[in-house]
Amino acid sequence: MFGRSHRFHGHNALAPVYKRGSTVRGAQISLKFVGRGGDRPYRVAVVVSRKVNKSAVVRNRIRRRIYEAVRISGSVPAGYDLIFTVFHDQVADWPAAKLSAQISELLDKIAA
């Protein structure tokens, strides 16, 4: 699980990322990001709409799996705010290797 320094806090904390951020798109997941500069730690949020799946259990499973894939990837650049948006509930059934590969692919696009 992420520590407090890697999470967003407060109402409207995601608004600057949505306003000024750039987007990279994967098959079922997109990543919106903006640089904060400096040596500040990265922050991550995962958005899974109710349109993806009506069940909160499935939405939370998707969210937890993506947080874990980001945590173990180790390729997250410092000083970035990241918002992962999921578009399909198939992500809940993906094998861990496929999910990690998708997350790593999106994170590599940031560096490029």
C-alpha atoms as a PDB file:
ATOM      1  CA  MET A   1       0.000   0.000   0.000  1.00  0.00           C
ATOM      2  CA  PHE A   2       1.128   3.535  -0.722  1.00  0.00           C
ATOM      3  CA  GLY A   3       2.231   5.814   2.030  1.00  0.00           C
ATOM      4  CA  ARG A   4       0.527   9.103   2.739  1.00  0.00           C
ATOM      5  CA  SER A   5       3.026  11.073   0.662  1.00  0.00           C
ATOM      6  CA  HIS A   6       1.997   9.219  -2.530  1.00  0.00           C
ATOM      7  CA  ARG A   7      -1.745   9.932  -2.301  1.00  0.00           C
ATOM      8  CA  PHE A   8      -3.855  12.950  -3.106  1.00  0.00           C
ATOM      9  CA  HIS A   9      -5.518  14.770  -0.198  1.00  0.00           C
ATOM     10  CA  GLY A  10      -8.422  17.130   0.025  1.00  0.00           C
ATOM     11  CA  HIS A  11     -11.359  18.203  -2.045  1.00  0.00           C
ATOM     12  CA  ASN A  12     -10.444  19.243  -5.615  1.00  0.00           C
ATOM     13  CA  ALA A  13      -6.922  17.848  -5.300  1.00  0.00           C
ATOM     14  CA  LEU A  14      -7.221  16.259  -8.750  1.00  0.00           C
ATOM     15  CA  ALA A  15      -8.457  19.436 -10.478  1.00  0.00           C
ATOM     16  CA  PRO A  16      -4.998  20.795 -11.459  1.00  0.00           C
ATOM     17  CA  VAL A  17      -4.110  17.487 -13.105  1.00  0.00           C
ATOM     18  CA  TYR A  18      -7.342  17.440 -15.088  1.00  0.00           C
ATOM     19  CA  LYS A  19      -6.885  21.091 -16.060  1.00  0.00           C
ATOM     20  CA  ARG A  20      -3.196  21.159 -17.070  1.00  0.00           C
ATOM     21  CA  GLY A  21      -2.316  17.496 -17.527  1.00  0.00           C
ATOM     22  CA  SER A  22      -1.349  15.502 -20.592  1.00  0.00           C
ATOM     23  CA  THR A  23      -2.895  12.135 -21.424  1.00  0.00           C
ATOM     24  CA  VAL A  24      -1.482   8.841 -22.660  1.00  0.00           C
ATOM     25  CA  ARG A  25      -3.874   6.069 -23.549  1.00  0.00           C
ATOM     26  CA  GLY A  26      -3.595   2.302 -23.265  1.00  0.00           C
ATOM     27  CA  ALA A  27      -6.025  -0.437 -24.268  1.00  0.00           C
ATOM     28  CA  GLN A  28      -8.392  -0.212 -21.278  1.00  0.00           C
ATOM     29  CA  ILE A  29      -6.608   2.352 -19.094  1.00  0.00           C
ATOM     30  CA  SER A  30      -5.549   5.958 -19.641  1.00  0.00           C
ATOM     31  CA  LEU A  31      -3.042   7.988 -17.663  1.00  0.00           C
ATOM     32  CA  LYS A  32      -3.328  11.725 -17.121  1.00  0.00           C
ATOM     33  CA  PHE A  33      -0.187  13.305 -15.688  1.00  0.00           C
ATOM     34  CA  VAL A  34       1.386  16.620 -14.851  1.00  0.00           C
ATOM     35  CA  GLY A  35       4.846  17.406 -13.483  1.00  0.00           C
ATOM     36  CA  ARG A  36       5.067  19.167 -10.114  1.00  0.00           C
ATOM     37  CA  GLY A  37       8.779  19.765 -10.340  1.00  0.00           C
ATOM     38  CA  GLY A  38      11.464  19.343  -7.738  1.00  0.00           C
ATOM     39  CA  ASP A  39      12.184  16.336  -5.606  1.00  0.00           C
ATOM     40  CA  ARG A  40       8.620  15.993  -4.385  1.00  0.00           C
ATOM     41  CA  PRO A  41       7.261  12.432  -4.317  1.00  0.00           C
ATOM     42  CA  TYR A  42       4.886  11.283  -7.017  1.00  0.00           C
ATOM     43  CA  ARG A  43       1.177  11.084  -6.231  1.00  0.00           C
ATOM     44  CA  VAL A  44      -1.234   8.527  -7.681  1.00  0.00           C
ATOM     45  CA  ALA A  45      -5.008   8.324  -7.981  1.00  0.00           C
ATOM     46  CA  VAL A  46      -7.115   5.646  -9.674  1.00  0.00           C
ATOM     47  CA  VAL A  47     -10.555   6.526 -11.034  1.00  0.00           C
ATOM     48  CA  VAL A  48     -13.010   3.727 -11.750  1.00  0.00           C
ATOM     49  CA  SER A  49     -16.455   4.984 -12.693  1.00  0.00           C
ATOM     50  CA  ARG A  50     -19.687   3.291 -11.740  1.00  0.00           C
ATOM     51  CA  LYS A  51     -20.270   2.898 -15.476  1.00  0.00           C
ATOM     52  CA  VAL A  52     -17.363   0.449 -15.531  1.00  0.00           C
ATOM     53  CA  ASN A  53     -19.077  -1.858 -13.060  1.00  0.00           C
ATOM     54  CA  LYS A  54     -22.011  -1.325 -10.730  1.00  0.00           C
ATOM     55  CA  SER A  55     -20.417  -3.373  -7.966  1.00  0.00           C
ATOM     56  CA  ALA A  56     -18.238  -1.417  -5.542  1.00  0.00           C
ATOM     57  CA  VAL A  57     -16.401  -4.651  -4.777  1.00  0.00           C
ATOM     58  CA  VAL A  58     -15.215  -4.976  -8.384  1.00  0.00           C
ATOM     59  CA  ARG A  59     -14.355  -1.284  -8.690  1.00  0.00           C
ATOM     60  CA  ASN A  60     -12.288  -1.402  -5.499  1.00  0.00           C
ATOM     61  CA  ARG A  61     -10.548  -4.599  -6.654  1.00  0.00           C
ATOM     62  CA  ILE A  62      -9.525  -2.840  -9.868  1.00  0.00           C
ATOM     63  CA  ARG A  63      -8.326   0.179  -7.887  1.00  0.00           C
ATOM     64  CA  ARG A  64      -6.248  -1.924  -5.469  1.00  0.00           C
ATOM     65  CA  ARG A  65      -4.693  -3.956  -8.291  1.00  0.00           C
ATOM     66  CA  ILE A  66      -3.598  -0.813 -10.150  1.00  0.00           C
ATOM     67  CA  TYR A  67      -2.150   0.758  -6.996  1.00  0.00           C
ATOM     68  CA  GLU A  68      -0.153  -2.413  -6.413  1.00  0.00           C
ATOM     69  CA  ALA A  69       1.060  -2.565 -10.030  1.00  0.00           C
ATOM     70  CA  VAL A  70       2.277   1.037  -9.794  1.00  0.00           C
ATOM     71  CA  ARG A  71       3.952   0.387  -6.449  1.00  0.00           C
ATOM     72  CA  ILE A  72       5.918  -2.639  -7.641  1.00  0.00           C
ATOM     73  CA  SER A  73       6.769  -1.164 -11.056  1.00  0.00           C
ATOM     74  CA  GLY A  74       9.499   1.040  -9.602  1.00  0.00           C
ATOM     75  CA  SER A  75       9.589   3.155 -12.780  1.00  0.00           C
ATOM     76  CA  VAL A  76       7.448   6.031 -11.532  1.00  0.00           C
ATOM     77  CA  PRO A  77       9.298   9.317 -12.006  1.00  0.00           C
ATOM     78  CA  ALA A  78       9.477  11.594  -8.974  1.00  0.00           C
ATOM     79  CA  GLY A  79       7.615  14.869  -9.018  1.00  0.00           C
ATOM     80  CA  TYR A  80       4.598  13.759 -11.058  1.00  0.00           C
ATOM     81  CA  ASP A  81       0.892  13.646 -10.312  1.00  0.00           C
ATOM     82  CA  LEU A  82      -0.715  10.624 -11.978  1.00  0.00           C
ATOM     83  CA  ILE A  83      -4.372   9.753 -12.483  1.00  0.00           C
ATOM     84  CA  PHE A  84      -5.192   6.349 -13.929  1.00  0.00           C
ATOM     85  CA  THR A  85      -8.683   6.090 -15.430  1.00  0.00           C
ATOM     86  CA  VAL A  86     -10.153   2.646 -16.133  1.00  0.00           C
ATOM     87  CA  PHE A  87     -12.627   2.216 -18.997  1.00  0.00           C
ATOM     88  CA  HIS A  88     -13.581  -1.451 -18.844  1.00  0.00           C
ATOM     89  CA  ASP A  89     -14.181  -4.011 -16.136  1.00  0.00           C
ATOM     90  CA  GLN A  90     -12.003  -6.590 -17.913  1.00  0.00           C
ATOM     91  CA  VAL A  91      -9.099  -5.084 -15.976  1.00  0.00           C
ATOM     92  CA  ALA A  92     -10.398  -6.873 -12.862  1.00  0.00           C
ATOM     93  CA  ASP A  93      -9.808 -10.242 -14.566  1.00  0.00           C
ATOM     94  CA  TRP A  94      -6.465  -9.517 -16.215  1.00  0.00           C
ATOM     95  CA  PRO A  95      -3.523 -11.591 -15.004  1.00  0.00           C
ATOM     96  CA  ALA A  96      -1.105  -9.641 -12.839  1.00  0.00           C
ATOM     97  CA  ALA A  97       1.610  -9.802 -15.501  1.00  0.00           C
ATOM     98  CA  LYS A  98      -0.637  -8.242 -18.148  1.00  0.00           C
ATOM     99  CA  LEU A  99      -1.761  -5.473 -15.794  1.00  0.00           C
ATOM    100  CA  SER A 100       1.829  -4.714 -14.755  1.00  0.00           C
ATOM    101  CA  ALA A 101       2.892  -4.616 -18.404  1.00  0.00           C
ATOM    102  CA  GLN A 102       0.090  -2.182 -19.255  1.00  0.00           C
ATOM    103  CA  ILE A 103       0.955   0.081 -16.308  1.00  0.00           C
ATOM    104  CA  SER A 104       4.670  -0.016 -17.150  1.00  0.00           C
ATOM    105  CA  GLU A 105       3.893   0.826 -20.776  1.00  0.00           C
ATOM    106  CA  LEU A 106       1.900   3.894 -19.724  1.00  0.00           C
ATOM    107  CA  LEU A 107       4.611   5.006 -17.290  1.00  0.00           C
ATOM    108  CA  ASP A 108       7.288   4.586 -19.972  1.00  0.00           C
ATOM    109  CA  LYS A 109       5.317   6.902 -22.275  1.00  0.00           C
ATOM    110  CA  ILE A 110       5.672   9.651 -19.674  1.00  0.00           C
ATOM    111  CA  ALA A 111       9.461   9.461 -19.788  1.00  0.00           C
ATOM    112  CA  ALA A 112       9.500   9.650 -23.593  1.00  0.00           C
END
